[in-house]
Structures are given as structure tokens and as C-alpha cells.
PDB file of N, CA and C in Angstrom:
ATOM      1  N   MET A   1      55.154   8.788  11.183  1.00  0.00           N
ATOM      2  CA  MET A   1      53.834   8.702  11.847  1.00  0.00           C
ATOM      3  C   MET A   1      53.848   7.297  12.702  1.00  0.00           C
ATOM      4  N   LYS A   2      53.550   7.456  13.919  1.00  0.00           N
ATOM      5  CA  LYS A   2      53.401   6.112  14.733  1.00  0.00           C
ATOM      6  C   LYS A   2      52.209   5.346  14.256  1.00  0.00           C
ATOM      7  N   ASN A   3      52.273   4.105  14.499  1.00  0.00           N
ATOM      8  CA  ASN A   3      51.057   3.128  14.224  1.00  0.00           C
ATOM      9  C   ASN A   3      49.755   3.610  14.811  1.00  0.00           C
ATOM     10  N   ALA A   4      49.893   4.094  16.076  1.00  0.00           N
ATOM     11  CA  ALA A   4      48.644   4.528  16.686  1.00  0.00           C
ATOM     12  C   ALA A   4      48.017   5.696  16.122  1.00  0.00           C
ATOM     13  N   ASP A   5      48.728   6.400  15.452  1.00  0.00           N
ATOM     14  CA  ASP A   5      48.239   7.656  14.688  1.00  0.00           C
ATOM     15  C   ASP A   5      47.689   7.463  13.236  1.00  0.00           C
ATOM     16  N   LYS A   6      47.853   6.182  12.720  1.00  0.00           N
ATOM     17  CA  LYS A   6      47.501   5.969  11.414  1.00  0.00           C
ATOM     18  C   LYS A   6      45.963   5.696  11.371  1.00  0.00           C
ATOM     19  N   SER A   7      45.476   6.017  10.234  1.00  0.00           N
ATOM     20  CA  SER A   7      43.968   5.733  10.163  1.00  0.00           C
ATOM     21  C   SER A   7      43.608   4.332  10.145  1.00  0.00           C
ATOM     22  N   ALA A   8      42.700   3.941  10.982  1.00  0.00           N
ATOM     23  CA  ALA A   8      42.236   2.591  11.151  1.00  0.00           C
ATOM     24  C   ALA A   8      41.579   2.119   9.875  1.00  0.00           C
ATOM     25  N   TYR A   9      40.822   2.834   9.132  1.00  0.00           N
ATOM     26  CA  TYR A   9      40.017   2.647   7.920  1.00  0.00           C
ATOM     27  C   TYR A   9      40.351   3.867   7.009  1.00  0.00           C
ATOM     28  N   PRO A  10      41.544   3.822   6.376  1.00  0.00           N
ATOM     29  CA  PRO A  10      41.896   5.017   5.588  1.00  0.00           C
ATOM     30  C   PRO A  10      40.990   5.310   4.433  1.00  0.00           C
ATOM     31  N   ALA A  11      40.577   6.481   4.184  1.00  0.00           N
ATOM     32  CA  ALA A  11      39.886   6.919   3.155  1.00  0.00           C
ATOM     33  C   ALA A  11      40.538   8.187   2.566  1.00  0.00           C
ATOM     34  N   PRO A  12      40.758   8.197   1.226  1.00  0.00           N
ATOM     35  CA  PRO A  12      41.399   9.516   0.724  1.00  0.00           C
ATOM     36  C   PRO A  12      40.657  10.766   0.936  1.00  0.00           C
ATOM     37  N   GLN A  13      41.192  11.816   1.433  1.00  0.00           N
ATOM     38  CA  GLN A  13      40.554  13.055   1.646  1.00  0.00           C
ATOM     39  C   GLN A  13      40.347  13.785   0.272  1.00  0.00           C
ATOM     40  N   HIS A  14      41.406  13.684  -0.484  1.00  0.00           N
ATOM     41  CA  HIS A  14      41.384  14.259  -1.899  1.00  0.00           C
ATOM     42  C   HIS A  14      41.767  13.249  -2.834  1.00  0.00           C
ATOM     43  N   LEU A  15      41.475  13.492  -4.029  1.00  0.00           N
ATOM     44  CA  LEU A  15      41.649  12.348  -5.063  1.00  0.00           C
ATOM     45  C   LEU A  15      43.159  12.196  -5.375  1.00  0.00           C
ATOM     46  N   HIS A  16      43.762  13.243  -5.262  1.00  0.00           N
ATOM     47  CA  HIS A  16      45.346  13.173  -5.692  1.00  0.00           C
ATOM     48  C   HIS A  16      46.285  13.419  -4.623  1.00  0.00           C
ATOM     49  N   THR A  17      45.822  13.117  -3.351  1.00  0.00           N
ATOM     50  CA  THR A  17      46.786  13.247  -2.172  1.00  0.00           C
ATOM     51  C   THR A  17      46.872  11.962  -1.316  1.00  0.00           C
ATOM     52  N   PHE A  18      47.823  11.981  -0.543  1.00  0.00           N
ATOM     53  CA  PHE A  18      48.009  10.700   0.329  1.00  0.00           C
ATOM     54  C   PHE A  18      47.265  11.002   1.595  1.00  0.00           C
ATOM     55  N   GLU A  19      46.699  12.154   1.915  1.00  0.00           N
ATOM     56  CA  GLU A  19      45.973  12.503   3.186  1.00  0.00           C
ATOM     57  C   GLU A  19      44.872  11.683   3.438  1.00  0.00           C
ATOM     58  N   THR A  20      44.538  11.169   4.500  1.00  0.00           N
ATOM     59  CA  THR A  20      43.348  10.337   4.766  1.00  0.00           C
ATOM     60  C   THR A  20      42.616  10.988   5.990  1.00  0.00           C
ATOM     61  N   VAL A  21      41.452  10.640   6.061  1.00  0.00           N
ATOM     62  CA  VAL A  21      40.437  11.196   7.140  1.00  0.00           C
ATOM     63  C   VAL A  21      39.984   9.898   7.851  1.00  0.00           C
ATOM     64  N   GLY A  22      39.486  10.136   9.065  1.00  0.00           N
ATOM     65  CA  GLY A  22      38.866   9.052   9.804  1.00  0.00           C
ATOM     66  C   GLY A  22      39.490   8.927  11.222  1.00  0.00           C
ATOM     67  N   LEU A  23      39.048   8.032  11.892  1.00  0.00           N
ATOM     68  CA  LEU A  23      39.503   7.680  13.261  1.00  0.00           C
ATOM     69  C   LEU A  23      40.856   6.975  13.113  1.00  0.00           C
ATOM     70  N   THR A  24      41.720   7.292  14.160  1.00  0.00           N
ATOM     71  CA  THR A  24      43.032   6.591  14.277  1.00  0.00           C
ATOM     72  C   THR A  24      42.856   5.038  14.828  1.00  0.00           C
ATOM     73  N   LYS A  25      43.968   4.356  14.705  1.00  0.00           N
ATOM     74  CA  LYS A  25      43.793   2.969  15.209  1.00  0.00           C
ATOM     75  C   LYS A  25      43.685   3.139  16.754  1.00  0.00           C
ATOM     76  N   ARG A  26      44.347   4.149  17.389  1.00  0.00           N
ATOM     77  CA  ARG A  26      44.191   4.210  18.874  1.00  0.00           C
ATOM     78  C   ARG A  26      42.841   4.564  19.249  1.00  0.00           C
ATOM     79  N   GLU A  27      42.076   5.466  18.522  1.00  0.00           N
ATOM     80  CA  GLU A  27      40.852   5.921  18.794  1.00  0.00           C
ATOM     81  C   GLU A  27      39.783   4.748  18.671  1.00  0.00           C
ATOM     82  N   ILE A  28      39.989   3.957  17.544  1.00  0.00           N
ATOM     83  CA  ILE A  28      39.183   2.737  17.365  1.00  0.00           C
ATOM     84  C   ILE A  28      39.380   1.764  18.493  1.00  0.00           C
ATOM     85  N   PHE A  29      40.643   1.473  18.898  1.00  0.00           N
ATOM     86  CA  PHE A  29      40.843   0.466  19.899  1.00  0.00           C
ATOM     87  C   PHE A  29      40.219   1.014  21.125  1.00  0.00           C
ATOM     88  N   ALA A  30      40.432   2.191  21.533  1.00  0.00           N
ATOM     89  CA  ALA A  30      39.882   2.794  22.851  1.00  0.00           C
ATOM     90  C   ALA A  30      38.356   2.767  22.676  1.00  0.00           C
ATOM     91  N   MET A  31      37.722   3.055  21.531  1.00  0.00           N
ATOM     92  CA  MET A  31      36.261   3.010  21.454  1.00  0.00           C
ATOM     93  C   MET A  31      35.768   1.580  21.684  1.00  0.00           C
ATOM     94  N   THR A  32      36.383   0.495  21.123  1.00  0.00           N
ATOM     95  CA  THR A  32      35.836  -0.792  21.371  1.00  0.00           C
ATOM     96  C   THR A  32      36.223  -1.233  22.801  1.00  0.00           C
ATOM     97  N   ALA A  33      37.240  -0.878  23.446  1.00  0.00           N
ATOM     98  CA  ALA A  33      37.538  -1.255  24.750  1.00  0.00           C
ATOM     99  C   ALA A  33      36.448  -0.601  25.617  1.00  0.00           C
ATOM    100  N   MET A  34      36.132   0.799  25.377  1.00  0.00           N
ATOM    101  CA  MET A  34      35.107   1.376  26.159  1.00  0.00           C
ATOM    102  C   MET A  34      33.730   0.686  26.061  1.00  0.00           C
ATOM    103  N   GLN A  35      33.422   0.142  24.843  1.00  0.00           N
ATOM    104  CA  GLN A  35      32.072  -0.482  24.678  1.00  0.00           C
ATOM    105  C   GLN A  35      32.196  -1.803  25.680  1.00  0.00           C
ATOM    106  N   GLY A  36      33.202  -2.438  25.552  1.00  0.00           N
ATOM    107  CA  GLY A  36      33.307  -3.678  26.450  1.00  0.00           C
ATOM    108  C   GLY A  36      33.183  -3.307  27.974  1.00  0.00           C
ATOM    109  N   ILE A  37      33.873  -2.310  28.347  1.00  0.00           N
ATOM    110  CA  ILE A  37      33.887  -2.023  29.811  1.00  0.00           C
ATOM    111  C   ILE A  37      32.405  -1.513  30.102  1.00  0.00           C
ATOM    112  N   LEU A  38      31.748  -0.832  29.334  1.00  0.00           N
ATOM    113  CA  LEU A  38      30.415  -0.310  29.649  1.00  0.00           C
ATOM    114  C   LEU A  38      29.367  -1.393  29.394  1.00  0.00           C
ATOM    115  N   ALA A  39      29.626  -2.473  28.704  1.00  0.00           N
ATOM    116  CA  ALA A  39      28.722  -3.379  28.494  1.00  0.00           C
ATOM    117  C   ALA A  39      28.581  -4.342  29.805  1.00  0.00           C
ATOM    118  N   ASN A  40      29.545  -4.259  30.695  1.00  0.00           N
ATOM    119  CA  ASN A  40      29.579  -5.115  31.915  1.00  0.00           C
ATOM    120  C   ASN A  40      28.595  -4.315  32.894  1.00  0.00           C
ATOM    121  N   ARG A  41      27.435  -4.690  32.942  1.00  0.00           N
ATOM    122  CA  ARG A  41      26.322  -3.945  33.737  1.00  0.00           C
ATOM    123  C   ARG A  41      26.598  -4.111  35.268  1.00  0.00           C
ATOM    124  N   GLU A  42      27.371  -5.113  35.637  1.00  0.00           N
ATOM    125  CA  GLU A  42      27.588  -5.370  37.128  1.00  0.00           C
ATOM    126  C   GLU A  42      28.651  -4.519  37.626  1.00  0.00           C
ATOM    127  N   SER A  43      29.461  -3.823  36.608  1.00  0.00           N
ATOM    128  CA  SER A  43      30.390  -2.846  37.157  1.00  0.00           C
ATOM    129  C   SER A  43      29.787  -1.513  37.475  1.00  0.00           C
ATOM    130  N   ASN A  44      30.167  -1.000  38.549  1.00  0.00           N
ATOM    131  CA  ASN A  44      29.729   0.345  38.955  1.00  0.00           C
ATOM    132  C   ASN A  44      30.676   1.511  38.666  1.00  0.00           C
ATOM    133  N   ILE A  45      31.519   1.289  37.428  1.00  0.00           N
ATOM    134  CA  ILE A  45      32.531   2.154  37.138  1.00  0.00           C
ATOM    135  C   ILE A  45      31.883   3.372  36.455  1.00  0.00           C
ATOM    136  N   ASP A  46      32.632   4.659  36.873  1.00  0.00           N
ATOM    137  CA  ASP A  46      32.056   5.856  36.268  1.00  0.00           C
ATOM    138  C   ASP A  46      32.743   6.067  34.925  1.00  0.00           C
ATOM    139  N   TYR A  47      32.182   6.943  34.135  1.00  0.00           N
ATOM    140  CA  TYR A  47      32.614   7.277  32.858  1.00  0.00           C
ATOM    141  C   TYR A  47      34.086   7.619  32.738  1.00  0.00           C
ATOM    142  N   GLU A  48      34.539   8.591  33.542  1.00  0.00           N
ATOM    143  CA  GLU A  48      35.869   8.911  33.507  1.00  0.00           C
ATOM    144  C   GLU A  48      36.841   7.913  33.792  1.00  0.00           C
ATOM    145  N   THR A  49      36.647   7.042  34.776  1.00  0.00           N
ATOM    146  CA  THR A  49      37.444   5.881  35.108  1.00  0.00           C
ATOM    147  C   THR A  49      37.539   4.971  33.841  1.00  0.00           C
ATOM    148  N   ALA A  50      36.266   4.720  33.401  1.00  0.00           N
ATOM    149  CA  ALA A  50      36.119   3.756  32.194  1.00  0.00           C
ATOM    150  C   ALA A  50      37.016   4.359  31.000  1.00  0.00           C
ATOM    151  N   SER A  51      36.919   5.673  30.754  1.00  0.00           N
ATOM    152  CA  SER A  51      37.549   6.203  29.656  1.00  0.00           C
ATOM    153  C   SER A  51      39.165   6.211  29.789  1.00  0.00           C
ATOM    154  N   ILE A  52      39.571   6.288  31.007  1.00  0.00           N
ATOM    155  CA  ILE A  52      41.001   6.265  31.333  1.00  0.00           C
ATOM    156  C   ILE A  52      41.420   4.696  31.060  1.00  0.00           C
ATOM    157  N   HIS A  53      40.615   3.686  31.602  1.00  0.00           N
ATOM    158  CA  HIS A  53      41.133   2.331  31.350  1.00  0.00           C
ATOM    159  C   HIS A  53      40.956   1.969  29.964  1.00  0.00           C
ATOM    160  N   ALA A  54      40.021   2.486  29.069  1.00  0.00           N
ATOM    161  CA  ALA A  54      39.892   2.189  27.630  1.00  0.00           C
ATOM    162  C   ALA A  54      41.064   2.554  26.812  1.00  0.00           C
ATOM    163  N   VAL A  55      41.514   3.847  27.287  1.00  0.00           N
ATOM    164  CA  VAL A  55      42.809   4.367  26.550  1.00  0.00           C
ATOM    165  C   VAL A  55      44.043   3.624  26.988  1.00  0.00           C
ATOM    166  N   LYS A  56      44.165   3.087  28.166  1.00  0.00           N
ATOM    167  CA  LYS A  56      45.193   2.262  28.624  1.00  0.00           C
ATOM    168  C   LYS A  56      45.164   0.955  27.915  1.00  0.00           C
ATOM    169  N   PHE A  57      44.127   0.466  27.794  1.00  0.00           N
ATOM    170  CA  PHE A  57      43.959  -0.965  27.040  1.00  0.00           C
ATOM    171  C   PHE A  57      44.252  -0.670  25.630  1.00  0.00           C
ATOM    172  N   ALA A  58      43.924   0.373  24.931  1.00  0.00           N
ATOM    173  CA  ALA A  58      44.287   0.787  23.518  1.00  0.00           C
ATOM    174  C   ALA A  58      45.692   0.890  23.402  1.00  0.00           C
ATOM    175  N   ASP A  59      46.384   1.645  24.237  1.00  0.00           N
ATOM    176  CA  ASP A  59      47.922   1.842  24.258  1.00  0.00           C
ATOM    177  C   ASP A  59      48.668   0.527  24.357  1.00  0.00           C
ATOM    178  N   GLU A  60      48.143  -0.337  25.317  1.00  0.00           N
ATOM    179  CA  GLU A  60      48.907  -1.587  25.458  1.00  0.00           C
ATOM    180  C   GLU A  60      48.695  -2.455  24.206  1.00  0.00           C
ATOM    181  N   LEU A  61      47.541  -2.504  23.704  1.00  0.00           N
ATOM    182  CA  LEU A  61      47.396  -3.295  22.509  1.00  0.00           C
ATOM    183  C   LEU A  61      48.149  -2.847  21.408  1.00  0.00           C
ATOM    184  N   LEU A  62      48.348  -1.578  21.184  1.00  0.00           N
ATOM    185  CA  LEU A  62      49.267  -1.019  20.116  1.00  0.00           C
ATOM    186  C   LEU A  62      50.842  -1.342  20.520  1.00  0.00           C
ATOM    187  N   ARG A  63      51.135  -1.319  21.808  1.00  0.00           N
ATOM    188  CA  ARG A  63      52.394  -1.690  22.160  1.00  0.00           C
ATOM    189  C   ARG A  63      52.687  -3.162  21.800  1.00  0.00           C
ATOM    190  N   GLN A  64      51.797  -4.067  22.155  1.00  0.00           N
ATOM    191  CA  GLN A  64      51.997  -5.493  21.899  1.00  0.00           C
ATOM    192  C   GLN A  64      52.072  -5.752  20.380  1.00  0.00           C
ATOM    193  N   LEU A  65      51.336  -4.845  19.597  1.00  0.00           N
ATOM    194  CA  LEU A  65      51.296  -5.172  18.114  1.00  0.00           C
ATOM    195  C   LEU A  65      52.549  -4.545  17.537  1.00  0.00           C
ATOM    196  N   GLU A  66      53.341  -3.756  18.144  1.00  0.00           N
ATOM    197  CA  GLU A  66      54.613  -3.322  17.549  1.00  0.00           C
ATOM    198  C   GLU A  66      55.532  -4.312  17.416  1.00  0.00           C
TER     199      GLU A  66
END
């Protein structure tokens, strides 16, 4: 499993398994990047473009962390 696909805050799904539930690291990084992009009120960026950039930022951060 790639680092990007691991749970950011793993919680056991069942008591006796190693399966976890929750958002992946990639999803968490993209979410926080999206918050930052949308918090910039001076930007007239549309949601589709913002989401594309957020995912690119998340992927680059994960690449740098490898």
C-alpha cells in the first residue's frame, strides 16, 4: 500500500483485524489545501480549478515526504 493510501488517522474497523477506516493521507492533504485555496477571498478561482490544484498540492507533498 502506498503512503498516500494509508489512513491519516487510523482507527480499527473491527476489534481483531488490521483493517482501518477513515480518510487517507492524500484526502486529508487535499482537504487542507482546498481550505487554504478557498480561504483566499481575493482569488476568483472556481471550485473545479481549486480542487484540481488541491489534489496536485497533496500529491506533491506526498512525493516530497517519500
